[in-house]
C-alpha atoms as a PDB file:
ATOM      1  CA  UNK A   1      -8.929 -24.235  18.126  1.00  0.00           C
ATOM      2  CA  UNK A   2      -6.014 -22.219  19.498  1.00  0.00           C
ATOM      3  CA  UNK A   3      -2.396 -23.044  18.671  1.00  0.00           C
ATOM      4  CA  UNK A   4      -0.925 -24.887  21.663  1.00  0.00           C
ATOM      5  CA  UNK A   5       2.535 -25.499  20.185  1.00  0.00           C
ATOM      6  CA  UNK A   6       5.635 -23.391  19.903  1.00  0.00           C
ATOM      7  CA  UNK A   7       8.684 -21.877  21.563  1.00  0.00           C
ATOM      8  CA  UNK A   8       9.001 -22.414  25.313  1.00  0.00           C
ATOM      9  CA  UNK A   9       9.278 -19.782  28.052  1.00  0.00           C
ATOM     10  CA  UNK A  10      10.999 -21.394  31.054  1.00  0.00           C
ATOM     11  CA  UNK A  11       9.978 -19.944  34.427  1.00  0.00           C
ATOM     12  CA  UNK A  12      12.156 -21.828  36.893  1.00  0.00           C
ATOM     13  CA  UNK A  13      10.312 -21.152  40.124  1.00  0.00           C
ATOM     14  CA  UNK A  14       7.562 -22.705  42.221  1.00  0.00           C
ATOM     15  CA  UNK A  15       4.506 -20.867  43.527  1.00  0.00           C
ATOM     16  CA  UNK A  16       4.180 -18.233  40.797  1.00  0.00           C
ATOM     17  CA  UNK A  17       1.005 -16.537  41.931  1.00  0.00           C
ATOM     18  CA  UNK A  18      -1.729 -14.704  40.080  1.00  0.00           C
ATOM     19  CA  UNK A  19      -0.438 -11.295  41.290  1.00  0.00           C
ATOM     20  CA  UNK A  20       2.875 -12.099  39.618  1.00  0.00           C
ATOM     21  CA  UNK A  21       1.122 -13.253  36.446  1.00  0.00           C
ATOM     22  CA  UNK A  22      -0.901 -10.027  36.267  1.00  0.00           C
ATOM     23  CA  UNK A  23      -0.543  -7.460  39.080  1.00  0.00           C
ATOM     24  CA  UNK A  24      -3.750  -6.582  40.949  1.00  0.00           C
ATOM     25  CA  UNK A  25      -3.418  -2.894  40.022  1.00  0.00           C
ATOM     26  CA  UNK A  26      -4.518  -3.830  36.478  1.00  0.00           C
ATOM     27  CA  UNK A  27      -7.690  -5.686  37.447  1.00  0.00           C
ATOM     28  CA  UNK A  28      -9.786  -2.621  36.664  1.00  0.00           C
ATOM     29  CA  UNK A  29      -8.881  -2.838  32.980  1.00  0.00           C
ATOM     30  CA  UNK A  30     -11.950  -3.581  30.874  1.00  0.00           C
ATOM     31  CA  UNK A  31     -10.273  -5.265  27.915  1.00  0.00           C
ATOM     32  CA  UNK A  32      -7.914  -8.207  27.742  1.00  0.00           C
ATOM     33  CA  UNK A  33      -5.697  -6.246  25.367  1.00  0.00           C
ATOM     34  CA  UNK A  34      -5.037  -3.700  28.134  1.00  0.00           C
ATOM     35  CA  UNK A  35      -3.510  -6.514  30.219  1.00  0.00           C
ATOM     36  CA  UNK A  36      -1.025  -7.524  27.506  1.00  0.00           C
ATOM     37  CA  UNK A  37       1.987  -5.322  28.376  1.00  0.00           C
ATOM     38  CA  UNK A  38       1.761  -6.129  32.094  1.00  0.00           C
ATOM     39  CA  UNK A  39       2.145  -9.920  31.999  1.00  0.00           C
ATOM     40  CA  UNK A  40       4.741 -11.029  34.572  1.00  0.00           C
ATOM     41  CA  UNK A  41       5.963  -7.455  35.129  1.00  0.00           C
ATOM     42  CA  UNK A  42       6.199  -8.065  38.903  1.00  0.00           C
ATOM     43  CA  UNK A  43       7.685 -11.569  38.631  1.00  0.00           C
ATOM     44  CA  UNK A  44      10.941 -11.705  40.582  1.00  0.00           C
ATOM     45  CA  UNK A  45      13.053 -14.240  38.739  1.00  0.00           C
ATOM     46  CA  UNK A  46      16.813 -13.714  38.262  1.00  0.00           C
ATOM     47  CA  UNK A  47      17.642 -12.784  34.678  1.00  0.00           C
ATOM     48  CA  UNK A  48      13.991 -12.646  33.577  1.00  0.00           C
ATOM     49  CA  UNK A  49      12.989  -9.587  31.541  1.00  0.00           C
ATOM     50  CA  UNK A  50       9.358  -9.825  30.384  1.00  0.00           C
ATOM     51  CA  UNK A  51       9.677  -7.344  27.521  1.00  0.00           C
ATOM     52  CA  UNK A  52      12.562  -9.392  26.071  1.00  0.00           C
ATOM     53  CA  UNK A  53      11.698 -12.947  27.136  1.00  0.00           C
ATOM     54  CA  UNK A  54       7.941 -13.211  26.420  1.00  0.00           C
ATOM     55  CA  UNK A  55       7.555 -12.136  22.757  1.00  0.00           C
ATOM     56  CA  UNK A  56       7.339 -15.119  20.424  1.00  0.00           C
ATOM     57  CA  UNK A  57       6.857 -17.677  23.196  1.00  0.00           C
ATOM     58  CA  UNK A  58       3.786 -19.922  23.085  1.00  0.00           C
ATOM     59  CA  UNK A  59       4.281 -22.427  25.935  1.00  0.00           C
ATOM     60  CA  UNK A  60       5.262 -21.903  29.580  1.00  0.00           C
ATOM     61  CA  UNK A  61       7.081 -24.577  31.548  1.00  0.00           C
ATOM     62  CA  UNK A  62       7.263 -23.823  35.243  1.00  0.00           C
ATOM     63  CA  UNK A  63       7.562 -25.453  38.655  1.00  0.00           C
ATOM     64  CA  UNK A  64       5.017 -26.537  41.295  1.00  0.00           C
ATOM     65  CA  UNK A  65       1.805 -24.718  42.228  1.00  0.00           C
ATOM     66  CA  UNK A  66       1.580 -22.404  39.227  1.00  0.00           C
ATOM     67  CA  UNK A  67      -1.257 -19.861  39.489  1.00  0.00           C
ATOM     68  CA  UNK A  68      -1.634 -19.910  43.264  1.00  0.00           C
ATOM     69  CA  UNK A  69      -3.095 -16.866  44.996  1.00  0.00           C
ATOM     70  CA  UNK A  70      -6.367 -15.168  44.310  1.00  0.00           C
ATOM     71  CA  UNK A  71      -8.886 -16.763  41.993  1.00  0.00           C
ATOM     72  CA  UNK A  72      -9.146 -14.304  39.144  1.00  0.00           C
ATOM     73  CA  UNK A  73      -9.746 -14.901  35.462  1.00  0.00           C
ATOM     74  CA  UNK A  74      -7.416 -12.022  34.612  1.00  0.00           C
ATOM     75  CA  UNK A  75      -4.361 -14.276  34.996  1.00  0.00           C
ATOM     76  CA  UNK A  76      -5.339 -16.689  32.181  1.00  0.00           C
ATOM     77  CA  UNK A  77      -6.623 -13.710  30.158  1.00  0.00           C
ATOM     78  CA  UNK A  78      -3.181 -12.062  30.381  1.00  0.00           C
ATOM     79  CA  UNK A  79      -1.560 -15.290  29.190  1.00  0.00           C
ATOM     80  CA  UNK A  80      -4.074 -15.653  26.357  1.00  0.00           C
ATOM     81  CA  UNK A  81      -3.703 -12.102  25.038  1.00  0.00           C
ATOM     82  CA  UNK A  82       0.062 -12.713  24.881  1.00  0.00           C
ATOM     83  CA  UNK A  83      -0.406 -15.902  22.837  1.00  0.00           C
ATOM     84  CA  UNK A  84       0.624 -18.199  25.709  1.00  0.00           C
ATOM     85  CA  UNK A  85      -2.060 -20.875  25.459  1.00  0.00           C
ATOM     86  CA  UNK A  86      -0.217 -23.735  27.172  1.00  0.00           C
ATOM     87  CA  UNK A  87       1.283 -24.063  30.655  1.00  0.00           C
ATOM     88  CA  UNK A  88       3.095 -27.202  31.804  1.00  0.00           C
ATOM     89  CA  UNK A  89       3.884 -27.566  35.516  1.00  0.00           C
ATOM     90  CA  UNK A  90       3.836 -30.194  38.264  1.00  0.00           C
ATOM     91  CA  UNK A  91       0.665 -28.882  39.840  1.00  0.00           C
ATOM     92  CA  UNK A  92      -1.547 -25.844  39.581  1.00  0.00           C
ATOM     93  CA  UNK A  93      -3.775 -23.971  41.956  1.00  0.00           C
ATOM     94  CA  UNK A  94      -7.156 -25.645  41.434  1.00  0.00           C
ATOM     95  CA  UNK A  95      -9.137 -22.533  40.485  1.00  0.00           C
ATOM     96  CA  UNK A  96      -6.393 -21.189  38.204  1.00  0.00           C
ATOM     97  CA  UNK A  97      -6.248 -24.518  36.359  1.00  0.00           C
ATOM     98  CA  UNK A  98     -10.031 -24.524  35.857  1.00  0.00           C
ATOM     99  CA  UNK A  99      -9.927 -20.898  34.697  1.00  0.00           C
ATOM    100  CA  UNK A 100      -7.352 -21.918  32.086  1.00  0.00           C
ATOM    101  CA  UNK A 101      -9.736 -24.520  30.641  1.00  0.00           C
ATOM    102  CA  UNK A 102     -12.697 -22.128  30.965  1.00  0.00           C
ATOM    103  CA  UNK A 103     -10.752 -19.779  28.661  1.00  0.00           C
ATOM    104  CA  UNK A 104      -9.954 -22.597  26.227  1.00  0.00           C
ATOM    105  CA  UNK A 105      -6.330 -22.750  27.387  1.00  0.00           C
ATOM    106  CA  UNK A 106      -4.313 -25.845  28.244  1.00  0.00           C
ATOM    107  CA  UNK A 107      -2.861 -26.625  31.690  1.00  0.00           C
ATOM    108  CA  UNK A 108      -0.868 -29.882  31.707  1.00  0.00           C
ATOM    109  CA  UNK A 109       0.135 -31.485  34.986  1.00  0.00           C
ATOM    110  CA  UNK A 110       3.661 -32.888  34.849  1.00  0.00           C
ATOM    111  CA  UNK A 111       5.288 -35.134  37.407  1.00  0.00           C
ATOM    112  CA  UNK A 112       8.011 -33.430  39.444  1.00  0.00           C
ATOM    113  CA  UNK A 113      10.495 -35.916  37.978  1.00  0.00           C
ATOM    114  CA  UNK A 114       9.516 -35.055  34.374  1.00  0.00           C
ATOM    115  CA  UNK A 115       9.684 -31.346  35.176  1.00  0.00           C
ATOM    116  CA  UNK A 116      13.179 -31.734  36.669  1.00  0.00           C
ATOM    117  CA  UNK A 117      14.328 -33.587  33.559  1.00  0.00           C
ATOM    118  CA  UNK A 118      12.865 -30.930  31.246  1.00  0.00           C
ATOM    119  CA  UNK A 119      14.680 -28.137  33.074  1.00  0.00           C
ATOM    120  CA  UNK A 120      17.949 -30.101  33.165  1.00  0.00           C
ATOM    121  CA  UNK A 121      17.846 -30.933  29.461  1.00  0.00           C
ATOM    122  CA  UNK A 122      16.204 -27.871  27.924  1.00  0.00           C
ATOM    123  CA  UNK A 123      16.402 -24.734  30.105  1.00  0.00           C
ATOM    124  CA  UNK A 124      18.648 -22.180  28.466  1.00  0.00           C
ATOM    125  CA  UNK A 125      18.017 -23.616  24.989  1.00  0.00           C
ATOM    126  CA  UNK A 126      15.705 -22.602  22.174  1.00  0.00           C
ATOM    127  CA  UNK A 127      13.207 -25.348  23.000  1.00  0.00           C
ATOM    128  CA  UNK A 128       9.875 -25.996  21.313  1.00  0.00           C
ATOM    129  CA  UNK A 129       6.863 -27.911  22.585  1.00  0.00           C
ATOM    130  CA  UNK A 130       4.373 -29.786  20.428  1.00  0.00           C
ATOM    131  CA  UNK A 131       1.094 -31.072  21.860  1.00  0.00           C
ATOM    132  CA  UNK A 132      -0.469 -34.138  20.229  1.00  0.00           C
ATOM    133  CA  UNK A 133      -4.066 -34.209  21.488  1.00  0.00           C
ATOM    134  CA  UNK A 134      -4.983 -37.411  19.639  1.00  0.00           C
ATOM    135  CA  UNK A 135      -2.306 -39.464  21.399  1.00  0.00           C
ATOM    136  CA  UNK A 136      -2.217 -37.401  24.635  1.00  0.00           C
ATOM    137  CA  UNK A 137       1.495 -36.856  24.222  1.00  0.00           C
ATOM    138  CA  UNK A 138       3.718 -33.824  24.168  1.00  0.00           C
ATOM    139  CA  UNK A 139       7.158 -33.473  22.712  1.00  0.00           C
ATOM    140  CA  UNK A 140       9.836 -31.013  23.749  1.00  0.00           C
ATOM    141  CA  UNK A 141      12.678 -30.512  21.306  1.00  0.00           C
ATOM    142  CA  UNK A 142      15.841 -28.476  20.937  1.00  0.00           C
ATOM    143  CA  UNK A 143      18.771 -28.847  18.547  1.00  0.00           C
ATOM    144  CA  UNK A 144      20.372 -31.512  20.752  1.00  0.00           C
ATOM    145  CA  UNK A 145      17.459 -33.064  22.646  1.00  0.00           C
ATOM    146  CA  UNK A 146      14.012 -34.590  22.221  1.00  0.00           C
ATOM    147  CA  UNK A 147      11.700 -35.753  24.997  1.00  0.00           C
ATOM    148  CA  UNK A 148       8.220 -37.261  24.658  1.00  0.00           C
ATOM    149  CA  UNK A 149       5.803 -37.440  27.586  1.00  0.00           C
ATOM    150  CA  UNK A 150       2.205 -38.518  28.040  1.00  0.00           C
ATOM    151  CA  UNK A 151      -0.467 -36.431  29.720  1.00  0.00           C
ATOM    152  CA  UNK A 152      -4.110 -36.870  30.570  1.00  0.00           C
ATOM    153  CA  UNK A 153      -7.135 -34.630  30.319  1.00  0.00           C
ATOM    154  CA  UNK A 154     -10.705 -35.338  31.238  1.00  0.00           C
ATOM    155  CA  UNK A 155     -13.298 -35.483  28.478  1.00  0.00           C
ATOM    156  CA  UNK A 156     -14.765 -32.222  29.757  1.00  0.00           C
ATOM    157  CA  UNK A 157     -11.360 -30.485  29.656  1.00  0.00           C
ATOM    158  CA  UNK A 158     -10.876 -31.665  26.074  1.00  0.00           C
ATOM    159  CA  UNK A 159     -14.377 -30.434  25.182  1.00  0.00           C
ATOM    160  CA  UNK A 160     -13.639 -27.002  26.655  1.00  0.00           C
ATOM    161  CA  UNK A 161     -10.403 -26.728  24.673  1.00  0.00           C
ATOM    162  CA  UNK A 162     -12.036 -27.860  21.427  1.00  0.00           C
ATOM    163  CA  UNK A 163     -14.890 -25.393  21.923  1.00  0.00           C
ATOM    164  CA  UNK A 164     -12.537 -22.507  22.719  1.00  0.00           C
ATOM    165  CA  UNK A 165     -13.612 -22.161  26.343  1.00  0.00           C
ATOM    166  CA  UNK A 166     -16.642 -22.324  28.596  1.00  0.00           C
ATOM    167  CA  UNK A 167     -18.765 -19.639  26.892  1.00  0.00           C
ATOM    168  CA  UNK A 168     -18.408 -21.199  23.440  1.00  0.00           C
ATOM    169  CA  UNK A 169     -18.939 -24.671  24.920  1.00  0.00           C
ATOM    170  CA  UNK A 170     -22.169 -23.547  26.596  1.00  0.00           C
ATOM    171  CA  UNK A 171     -23.350 -21.726  23.465  1.00  0.00           C
ATOM    172  CA  UNK A 172     -22.909 -24.880  21.423  1.00  0.00           C
ATOM    173  CA  UNK A 173     -24.943 -26.988  23.833  1.00  0.00           C
ATOM    174  CA  UNK A 174     -27.745 -24.770  25.107  1.00  0.00           C
ATOM    175  CA  UNK A 175     -30.400 -22.815  23.266  1.00  0.00           C
ATOM    176  CA  UNK A 176     -30.509 -19.072  23.767  1.00  0.00           C
END
């Protein structure tokens, strides 16, 4: 299973679309690795510099409607190849969220209130996020703060994550 815990990348904006996650001009790339340097390169967010801000981060916390736009698998692939296996936001575009689970990645729906509190308490800090699948809780910590929240996943979403994504899930259940 992938590592869903680690340092947080805060993207304080709603409606981050799939073209901002990975620009359409790179959709002809034939490997996921070729997408790696282009993650968020067109994201317009004051003070955000992808080449400086992304390395070492493992979890994204963002605002409403993350992954809106066109329904391409390249967006979760670009996250995955950069080691960003977890996204927390108060709402996702439906197809993007399913593509995350299909790739064995985790998309956690937060309430808007919880998201507001996270940004107020942790944005601008060296925050870490730990996912506890057994108890369906997550914990965000910094030197001065700690916040625990619950989340829910369907059994199928959990199965996809444990299998590593849709292809591995299907392989484990169906004969070739």
